[in-house]
Amino acid sequence: KGYDAVSSKVNEDYTVVISSSEQVVEEKKAENILKGQ
């Protein structure tokens, strides 16, 4: 469909962020970089 998608594993589940805006996707990536560290 031409969207951007970023996935990450959160404990036993997975999060997938789907967006038409690269900025939102990049923000989500940055948000998860240091989680739990």
ModelCIF file with pLDDT and N, C-alpha, C, O atoms, coordinates in Angstrom:
data_MODEL
#
_entry.id   MODEL 
#
_entity.id                         1 
_entity.type                       polymer 
_entity.pdbx_number_of_molecules   1 
#
_entity_poly.entity_id                      1 
_entity_poly.type                           'polypeptide(L)' 
_entity_poly.nstd_linkage                   no 
_entity_poly.nstd_monomer                   no 
_entity_poly.pdbx_seq_one_letter_code       KGYDAVSSKVNEDYTVVISSSEQVVEEKKAENILKGQ 
_entity_poly.pdbx_seq_one_letter_code_can   KGYDAVSSKVNEDYTVVISSSEQVVEEKKAENILKGQ 
_entity_poly.pdbx_strand_id                 A 
#
loop_
_entity_poly_seq.entity_id 
_entity_poly_seq.num 
_entity_poly_seq.mon_id 
_entity_poly_seq.hetero 
1 1  LYS n 
1 2  GLY n 
1 3  TYR n 
1 4  ASP n 
1 5  ALA n 
1 6  VAL n 
1 7  SER n 
1 8  SER n 
1 9  LYS n 
1 10 VAL n 
1 11 ASN n 
1 12 GLU n 
1 13 ASP n 
1 14 TYR n 
1 15 THR n 
1 16 VAL n 
1 17 VAL n 
1 18 ILE n 
1 19 SER n 
1 20 SER n 
1 21 SER n 
1 22 GLU n 
1 23 GLN n 
1 24 VAL n 
1 25 VAL n 
1 26 GLU n 
1 27 GLU n 
1 28 LYS n 
1 29 LYS n 
1 30 ALA n 
1 31 GLU n 
1 32 ASN n 
1 33 ILE n 
1 34 LEU n 
1 35 LYS n 
1 36 GLY n 
1 37 GLN n 
#
_struct_asym.id          A 
_struct_asym.entity_id   1 
#
loop_
_ma_qa_metric.id 
_ma_qa_metric.mode 
_ma_qa_metric.name 
_ma_qa_metric.software_group_id 
_ma_qa_metric.type 
1 global pLDDT . pLDDT 
2 local  pLDDT . pLDDT 
#
_ma_qa_metric_global.metric_id      1 
_ma_qa_metric_global.metric_value   75.68 
_ma_qa_metric_global.model_id       1 
_ma_qa_metric_global.ordinal_id     1 
#
loop_
_ma_qa_metric_local.label_asym_id 
_ma_qa_metric_local.label_comp_id 
_ma_qa_metric_local.label_seq_id 
_ma_qa_metric_local.metric_id 
_ma_qa_metric_local.metric_value 
_ma_qa_metric_local.model_id 
_ma_qa_metric_local.ordinal_id 
A LYS 1  2 89.00 1 1  
A GLY 2  2 88.00 1 2  
A TYR 3  2 90.00 1 3  
A ASP 4  2 91.00 1 4  
A ALA 5  2 93.00 1 5  
A VAL 6  2 93.00 1 6  
A SER 7  2 95.00 1 7  
A SER 8  2 94.00 1 8  
A LYS 9  2 94.00 1 9  
A VAL 10 2 84.00 1 10 
A ASN 11 2 90.00 1 11 
A GLU 12 2 92.00 1 12 
A ASP 13 2 95.00 1 13 
A TYR 14 2 97.00 1 14 
A THR 15 2 96.00 1 15 
A VAL 16 2 96.00 1 16 
A VAL 17 2 94.00 1 17 
A ILE 18 2 93.00 1 18 
A SER 19 2 89.00 1 19 
A SER 20 2 79.00 1 20 
A SER 21 2 51.00 1 21 
A GLU 22 2 53.00 1 22 
A GLN 23 2 42.00 1 23 
A VAL 24 2 48.00 1 24 
A VAL 25 2 49.00 1 25 
A GLU 26 2 55.00 1 26 
A GLU 27 2 55.00 1 27 
A LYS 28 2 58.00 1 28 
A LYS 29 2 61.00 1 29 
A ALA 30 2 59.00 1 30 
A GLU 31 2 61.00 1 31 
A ASN 32 2 62.00 1 32 
A ILE 33 2 62.00 1 33 
A LEU 34 2 59.00 1 34 
A LYS 35 2 64.00 1 35 
A GLY 36 2 64.00 1 36 
A GLN 37 2 65.00 1 37 
#
loop_
_atom_site.group_PDB 
_atom_site.id 
_atom_site.type_symbol 
_atom_site.label_atom_id 
_atom_site.label_alt_id 
_atom_site.label_comp_id 
_atom_site.label_asym_id 
_atom_site.label_entity_id 
_atom_site.label_seq_id 
_atom_site.pdbx_PDB_ins_code 
_atom_site.Cartn_x 
_atom_site.Cartn_y 
_atom_site.Cartn_z 
_atom_site.occupancy 
_atom_site.B_iso_or_equiv 
_atom_site.pdbx_formal_charge 
_atom_site.auth_seq_id 
_atom_site.auth_comp_id 
_atom_site.auth_asym_id 
_atom_site.auth_atom_id 
_atom_site.pdbx_PDB_model_num 
ATOM 1   N N  . LYS A 1 1  ? 0.803  -1.221  0.000  1.00 89.00 ? 1  LYS A N  1 
ATOM 2   C CA . LYS A 1 1  ? 0.000  0.000   0.000  1.00 89.00 ? 1  LYS A CA 1 
ATOM 3   C C  . LYS A 1 1  ? 0.838  1.274   0.000  1.00 89.00 ? 1  LYS A C  1 
ATOM 4   O O  . LYS A 1 1  ? 0.285  2.373   -0.059 1.00 89.00 ? 1  LYS A O  1 
ATOM 5   N N  . GLY A 1 2  ? 2.169  1.146   0.066  1.00 88.00 ? 2  GLY A N  1 
ATOM 6   C CA . GLY A 1 2  ? 3.043  2.314   0.020  1.00 88.00 ? 2  GLY A CA 1 
ATOM 7   C C  . GLY A 1 2  ? 3.265  2.995   1.357  1.00 88.00 ? 2  GLY A C  1 
ATOM 8   O O  . GLY A 1 2  ? 3.675  4.155   1.402  1.00 88.00 ? 2  GLY A O  1 
ATOM 9   N N  . TYR A 1 3  ? 3.001  2.288   2.445  1.00 90.00 ? 3  TYR A N  1 
ATOM 10  C CA . TYR A 1 3  ? 3.237  2.837   3.784  1.00 90.00 ? 3  TYR A CA 1 
ATOM 11  C C  . TYR A 1 3  ? 4.612  2.415   4.285  1.00 90.00 ? 3  TYR A C  1 
ATOM 12  O O  . TYR A 1 3  ? 5.222  1.479   3.767  1.00 90.00 ? 3  TYR A O  1 
ATOM 13  N N  . ASP A 1 4  ? 5.082  3.122   5.299  1.00 91.00 ? 4  ASP A N  1 
ATOM 14  C CA . ASP A 1 4  ? 6.290  2.726   6.016  1.00 91.00 ? 4  ASP A CA 1 
ATOM 15  C C  . ASP A 1 4  ? 5.857  1.848   7.180  1.00 91.00 ? 4  ASP A C  1 
ATOM 16  O O  . ASP A 1 4  ? 4.793  2.064   7.760  1.00 91.00 ? 4  ASP A O  1 
ATOM 17  N N  . ALA A 1 5  ? 6.678  0.858   7.525  1.00 93.00 ? 5  ALA A N  1 
ATOM 18  C CA . ALA A 1 5  ? 6.376  -0.011  8.669  1.00 93.00 ? 5  ALA A CA 1 
ATOM 19  C C  . ALA A 1 5  ? 7.653  -0.292  9.440  1.00 93.00 ? 5  ALA A C  1 
ATOM 20  O O  . ALA A 1 5  ? 8.692  -0.610  8.861  1.00 93.00 ? 5  ALA A O  1 
ATOM 21  N N  . VAL A 1 6  ? 7.557  -0.169  10.762 1.00 93.00 ? 6  VAL A N  1 
ATOM 22  C CA . VAL A 1 6  ? 8.671  -0.470  11.645 1.00 93.00 ? 6  VAL A CA 1 
ATOM 23  C C  . VAL A 1 6  ? 8.143  -1.403  12.726 1.00 93.00 ? 6  VAL A C  1 
ATOM 24  O O  . VAL A 1 6  ? 7.119  -1.127  13.350 1.00 93.00 ? 6  VAL A O  1 
ATOM 25  N N  . SER A 1 7  ? 8.845  -2.502  12.942 1.00 95.00 ? 7  SER A N  1 
ATOM 26  C CA . SER A 1 7  ? 8.394  -3.452  13.959 1.00 95.00 ? 7  SER A CA 1 
ATOM 27  C C  . SER A 1 7  ? 9.443  -3.589  15.050 1.00 95.00 ? 7  SER A C  1 
ATOM 28  O O  . SER A 1 7  ? 10.636 -3.387  14.821 1.00 95.00 ? 7  SER A O  1 
ATOM 29  N N  . SER A 1 8  ? 8.976  -3.935  16.232 1.00 94.00 ? 8  SER A N  1 
ATOM 30  C CA . SER A 1 8  ? 9.881  -4.198  17.342 1.00 94.00 ? 8  SER A CA 1 
ATOM 31  C C  . SER A 1 8  ? 9.221  -5.196  18.278 1.00 94.00 ? 8  SER A C  1 
ATOM 32  O O  . SER A 1 8  ? 7.996  -5.283  18.359 1.00 94.00 ? 8  SER A O  1 
ATOM 33  N N  . LYS A 1 9  ? 10.049 -5.938  18.977 1.00 94.00 ? 9  LYS A N  1 
ATOM 34  C CA . LYS A 1 9  ? 9.535  -6.912  19.940 1.00 94.00 ? 9  LYS A CA 1 
ATOM 35  C C  . LYS A 1 9  ? 9.492  -6.247  21.304 1.00 94.00 ? 9  LYS A C  1 
ATOM 36  O O  . LYS A 1 9  ? 10.470 -5.638  21.739 1.00 94.00 ? 9  LYS A O  1 
ATOM 37  N N  . VAL A 1 10 ? 8.357  -6.367  21.975 1.00 84.00 ? 10 VAL A N  1 
ATOM 38  C CA . VAL A 1 10 ? 8.170  -5.795  23.304 1.00 84.00 ? 10 VAL A CA 1 
ATOM 39  C C  . VAL A 1 10 ? 7.730  -6.929  24.215 1.00 84.00 ? 10 VAL A C  1 
ATOM 40  O O  . VAL A 1 10 ? 6.577  -7.359  24.172 1.00 84.00 ? 10 VAL A O  1 
ATOM 41  N N  . ASN A 1 11 ? 8.658  -7.413  25.042 1.00 90.00 ? 11 ASN A N  1 
ATOM 42  C CA . ASN A 1 11 ? 8.421  -8.580  25.887 1.00 90.00 ? 11 ASN A CA 1 
ATOM 43  C C  . ASN A 1 11 ? 8.026  -9.760  25.004 1.00 90.00 ? 11 ASN A C  1 
ATOM 44  O O  . ASN A 1 11 ? 8.808  -10.155 24.139 1.00 90.00 ? 11 ASN A O  1 
ATOM 45  N N  . GLU A 1 12 ? 6.848  -10.332 25.192 1.00 92.00 ? 12 GLU A N  1 
ATOM 46  C CA . GLU A 1 12 ? 6.399  -11.472 24.388 1.00 92.00 ? 12 GLU A CA 1 
ATOM 47  C C  . GLU A 1 12 ? 5.588  -11.041 23.172 1.00 92.00 ? 12 GLU A C  1 
ATOM 48  O O  . GLU A 1 12 ? 5.228  -11.878 22.344 1.00 92.00 ? 12 GLU A O  1 
ATOM 49  N N  . ASP A 1 13 ? 5.297  -9.756  23.053 1.00 95.00 ? 13 ASP A N  1 
ATOM 50  C CA . ASP A 1 13 ? 4.467  -9.244  21.965 1.00 95.00 ? 13 ASP A CA 1 
ATOM 51  C C  . ASP A 1 13 ? 5.314  -8.461  20.967 1.00 95.00 ? 13 ASP A C  1 
ATOM 52  O O  . ASP A 1 13 ? 6.510  -8.252  21.171 1.00 95.00 ? 13 ASP A O  1 
ATOM 53  N N  . TYR A 1 14 ? 4.676  -8.039  19.897 1.00 97.00 ? 14 TYR A N  1 
ATOM 54  C CA . TYR A 1 14 ? 5.335  -7.272  18.845 1.00 97.00 ? 14 TYR A CA 1 
ATOM 55  C C  . TYR A 1 14 ? 4.534  -6.004  18.570 1.00 97.00 ? 14 TYR A C  1 
ATOM 56  O O  . TYR A 1 14 ? 3.305  -6.005  18.646 1.00 97.00 ? 14 TYR A O  1 
ATOM 57  N N  . THR A 1 15 ? 5.233  -4.941  18.256 1.00 96.00 ? 15 THR A N  1 
ATOM 58  C CA . THR A 1 15 ? 4.605  -3.692  17.876 1.00 96.00 ? 15 THR A CA 1 
ATOM 59  C C  . THR A 1 15 ? 4.993  -3.388  16.436 1.00 96.00 ? 15 THR A C  1 
ATOM 60  O O  . THR A 1 15 ? 6.163  -3.477  16.061 1.00 96.00 ? 15 THR A O  1 
ATOM 61  N N  . VAL A 1 16 ? 3.992  -3.027  15.635 1.00 96.00 ? 16 VAL A N  1 
ATOM 62  C CA . VAL A 1 16 ? 4.239  -2.624  14.255 1.00 96.00 ? 16 VAL A CA 1 
ATOM 63  C C  . VAL A 1 16 ? 3.632  -1.242  14.085 1.00 96.00 ? 16 VAL A C  1 
ATOM 64  O O  . VAL A 1 16 ? 2.433  -1.058  14.293 1.00 96.00 ? 16 VAL A O  1 
ATOM 65  N N  . VAL A 1 17 ? 4.453  -0.272  13.708 1.00 94.00 ? 17 VAL A N  1 
ATOM 66  C CA . VAL A 1 17 ? 3.969  1.086   13.456 1.00 94.00 ? 17 VAL A CA 1 
ATOM 67  C C  . VAL A 1 17 ? 3.901  1.272   11.949 1.00 94.00 ? 17 VAL A C  1 
ATOM 68  O O  . VAL A 1 17 ? 4.896  1.130   11.238 1.00 94.00 ? 17 VAL A O  1 
ATOM 69  N N  . ILE A 1 18 ? 2.698  1.595   11.480 1.00 93.00 ? 18 ILE A N  1 
ATOM 70  C CA . ILE A 1 18 ? 2.474  1.796   10.049 1.00 93.00 ? 18 ILE A CA 1 
ATOM 71  C C  . ILE A 1 18 ? 2.088  3.249   9.841  1.00 93.00 ? 18 ILE A C  1 
ATOM 72  O O  . ILE A 1 18 ? 1.176  3.768   10.484 1.00 93.00 ? 18 ILE A O  1 
ATOM 73  N N  . SER A 1 19 ? 2.811  3.901   8.918  1.00 89.00 ? 19 SER A N  1 
ATOM 74  C CA . SER A 1 19 ? 2.606  5.324   8.709  1.00 89.00 ? 19 SER A CA 1 
ATOM 75  C C  . SER A 1 19 ? 2.986  5.719   7.299  1.00 89.00 ? 19 SER A C  1 
ATOM 76  O O  . SER A 1 19 ? 3.801  5.067   6.647  1.00 89.00 ? 19 SER A O  1 
ATOM 77  N N  . SER A 1 20 ? 2.377  6.801   6.842  1.00 79.00 ? 20 SER A N  1 
ATOM 78  C CA . SER A 1 20 ? 2.784  7.355   5.553  1.00 79.00 ? 20 SER A CA 1 
ATOM 79  C C  . SER A 1 20 ? 3.812  8.457   5.758  1.00 79.00 ? 20 SER A C  1 
ATOM 80  O O  . SER A 1 20 ? 4.274  9.063   4.792  1.00 79.00 ? 20 SER A O  1 
ATOM 81  N N  . SER A 1 21 ? 4.170  8.718   7.001  1.00 51.00 ? 21 SER A N  1 
ATOM 82  C CA . SER A 1 21 ? 5.118  9.778   7.331  1.00 51.00 ? 21 SER A CA 1 
ATOM 83  C C  . SER A 1 21 ? 6.384  9.174   7.915  1.00 51.00 ? 21 SER A C  1 
ATOM 84  O O  . SER A 1 21 ? 6.335  8.512   8.952  1.00 51.00 ? 21 SER A O  1 
ATOM 85  N N  . GLU A 1 22 ? 7.517  9.394   7.260  1.00 53.00 ? 22 GLU A N  1 
ATOM 86  C CA . GLU A 1 22 ? 8.780  8.872   7.771  1.00 53.00 ? 22 GLU A CA 1 
ATOM 87  C C  . GLU A 1 22 ? 9.128  9.460   9.130  1.00 53.00 ? 22 GLU A C  1 
ATOM 88  O O  . GLU A 1 22 ? 9.788  8.800   9.932  1.00 53.00 ? 22 GLU A O  1 
ATOM 89  N N  . GLN A 1 23 ? 8.704  10.665  9.401  1.00 42.00 ? 23 GLN A N  1 
ATOM 90  C CA . GLN A 1 23 ? 9.024  11.311  10.674 1.00 42.00 ? 23 GLN A CA 1 
ATOM 91  C C  . GLN A 1 23 ? 8.431  10.530  11.839 1.00 42.00 ? 23 GLN A C  1 
ATOM 92  O O  . GLN A 1 23 ? 9.114  10.312  12.839 1.00 42.00 ? 23 GLN A O  1 
ATOM 93  N N  . VAL A 1 24 ? 7.191  10.110  11.733 1.00 48.00 ? 24 VAL A N  1 
ATOM 94  C CA . VAL A 1 24 ? 6.552  9.361   12.809 1.00 48.00 ? 24 VAL A CA 1 
ATOM 95  C C  . VAL A 1 24 ? 7.264  8.032   13.018 1.00 48.00 ? 24 VAL A C  1 
ATOM 96  O O  . VAL A 1 24 ? 7.471  7.609   14.155 1.00 48.00 ? 24 VAL A O  1 
ATOM 97  N N  . VAL A 1 25 ? 7.638  7.374   11.930 1.00 49.00 ? 25 VAL A N  1 
ATOM 98  C CA . VAL A 1 25 ? 8.339  6.105   12.022 1.00 49.00 ? 25 VAL A CA 1 
ATOM 99  C C  . VAL A 1 25 ? 9.685  6.290   12.705 1.00 49.00 ? 25 VAL A C  1 
ATOM 100 O O  . VAL A 1 25 ? 10.055 5.488   13.562 1.00 49.00 ? 25 VAL A O  1 
ATOM 101 N N  . GLU A 1 26 ? 10.422 7.333   12.342 1.00 55.00 ? 26 GLU A N  1 
ATOM 102 C CA . GLU A 1 26 ? 11.716 7.593   12.962 1.00 55.00 ? 26 GLU A CA 1 
ATOM 103 C C  . GLU A 1 26 ? 11.562 7.888   14.447 1.00 55.00 ? 26 GLU A C  1 
ATOM 104 O O  . GLU A 1 26 ? 12.395 7.464   15.248 1.00 55.00 ? 26 GLU A O  1 
ATOM 105 N N  . GLU A 1 27 ? 10.506 8.612   14.830 1.00 55.00 ? 27 GLU A N  1 
ATOM 106 C CA . GLU A 1 27 ? 10.266 8.893   16.234 1.00 55.00 ? 27 GLU A CA 1 
ATOM 107 C C  . GLU A 1 27 ? 10.030 7.602   17.003 1.00 55.00 ? 27 GLU A C  1 
ATOM 108 O O  . GLU A 1 27 ? 10.523 7.456   18.122 1.00 55.00 ? 27 GLU A O  1 
ATOM 109 N N  . LYS A 1 28 ? 9.293  6.673   16.433 1.00 58.00 ? 28 LYS A N  1 
ATOM 110 C CA . LYS A 1 28 ? 9.018  5.405   17.088 1.00 58.00 ? 28 LYS A CA 1 
ATOM 111 C C  . LYS A 1 28 ? 10.285 4.590   17.246 1.00 58.00 ? 28 LYS A C  1 
ATOM 112 O O  . LYS A 1 28 ? 10.488 3.960   18.283 1.00 58.00 ? 28 LYS A O  1 
ATOM 113 N N  . LYS A 1 29 ? 11.148 4.590   16.230 1.00 61.00 ? 29 LYS A N  1 
ATOM 114 C CA . LYS A 1 29 ? 12.428 3.890   16.322 1.00 61.00 ? 29 LYS A CA 1 
ATOM 115 C C  . LYS A 1 29 ? 13.242 4.468   17.474 1.00 61.00 ? 29 LYS A C  1 
ATOM 116 O O  . LYS A 1 29 ? 13.761 3.727   18.308 1.00 61.00 ? 29 LYS A O  1 
ATOM 117 N N  . ALA A 1 30 ? 13.351 5.785   17.517 1.00 59.00 ? 30 ALA A N  1 
ATOM 118 C CA . ALA A 1 30 ? 14.131 6.454   18.555 1.00 59.00 ? 30 ALA A CA 1 
ATOM 119 C C  . ALA A 1 30 ? 13.567 6.169   19.937 1.00 59.00 ? 30 ALA A C  1 
ATOM 120 O O  . ALA A 1 30 ? 14.320 6.015   20.898 1.00 59.00 ? 30 ALA A O  1 
ATOM 121 N N  . GLU A 1 31 ? 12.259 6.097   20.039 1.00 61.00 ? 31 GLU A N  1 
ATOM 122 C CA . GLU A 1 31 ? 11.608 5.837   21.322 1.00 61.00 ? 31 GLU A CA 1 
ATOM 123 C C  . GLU A 1 31 ? 11.990 4.467   21.868 1.00 61.00 ? 31 GLU A C  1 
ATOM 124 O O  . GLU A 1 31 ? 12.087 4.300   23.083 1.00 61.00 ? 31 GLU A O  1 
ATOM 125 N N  . ASN A 1 32 ? 12.207 3.492   21.003 1.00 62.00 ? 32 ASN A N  1 
ATOM 126 C CA . ASN A 1 32 ? 12.486 2.130   21.432 1.00 62.00 ? 32 ASN A CA 1 
ATOM 127 C C  . ASN A 1 32 ? 13.962 1.794   21.567 1.00 62.00 ? 32 ASN A C  1 
ATOM 128 O O  . ASN A 1 32 ? 14.297 0.713   22.053 1.00 62.00 ? 32 ASN A O  1 
ATOM 129 N N  . ILE A 1 33 ? 14.846 2.676   21.158 1.00 62.00 ? 33 ILE A N  1 
ATOM 130 C CA . ILE A 1 33 ? 16.269 2.356   21.150 1.00 62.00 ? 33 ILE A CA 1 
ATOM 131 C C  . ILE A 1 33 ? 16.788 2.003   22.539 1.00 62.00 ? 33 ILE A C  1 
ATOM 132 O O  . ILE A 1 33 ? 17.477 0.994   22.690 1.00 62.00 ? 33 ILE A O  1 
ATOM 133 N N  . LEU A 1 34 ? 16.480 2.791   23.540 1.00 59.00 ? 34 LEU A N  1 
ATOM 134 C CA . LEU A 1 34 ? 17.051 2.573   24.869 1.00 59.00 ? 34 LEU A CA 1 
ATOM 135 C C  . LEU A 1 34 ? 16.055 1.999   25.878 1.00 59.00 ? 34 LEU A C  1 
ATOM 136 O O  . LEU A 1 34 ? 16.343 2.000   27.075 1.00 59.00 ? 34 LEU A O  1 
ATOM 137 N N  . LYS A 1 35 ? 14.920 1.520   25.445 1.00 64.00 ? 35 LYS A N  1 
ATOM 138 C CA . LYS A 1 35 ? 13.946 0.955   26.377 1.00 64.00 ? 35 LYS A CA 1 
ATOM 139 C C  . LYS A 1 35 ? 14.568 -0.209  27.139 1.00 64.00 ? 35 LYS A C  1 
ATOM 140 O O  . LYS A 1 35 ? 15.102 -1.143  26.541 1.00 64.00 ? 35 LYS A O  1 
ATOM 141 N N  . GLY A 1 36 ? 14.493 -0.143  28.451 1.00 64.00 ? 36 GLY A N  1 
ATOM 142 C CA . GLY A 1 36 ? 14.994 -1.227  29.272 1.00 64.00 ? 36 GLY A CA 1 
ATOM 143 C C  . GLY A 1 36 ? 16.503 -1.273  29.407 1.00 64.00 ? 36 GLY A C  1 
ATOM 144 O O  . GLY A 1 36 ? 17.046 -2.266  29.892 1.00 64.00 ? 36 GLY A O  1 
ATOM 145 N N  . GLN A 1 37 ? 17.185 -0.234  28.992 1.00 65.00 ? 37 GLN A N  1 
ATOM 146 C CA . GLN A 1 37 ? 18.628 -0.211  29.084 1.00 65.00 ? 37 GLN A CA 1 
ATOM 147 C C  . GLN A 1 37 ? 19.068 0.907   30.021 1.00 65.00 ? 37 GLN A C  1 
ATOM 148 O O  . GLN A 1 37 ? 20.265 1.096   30.236 1.00 65.00 ? 37 GLN A O  1 
#
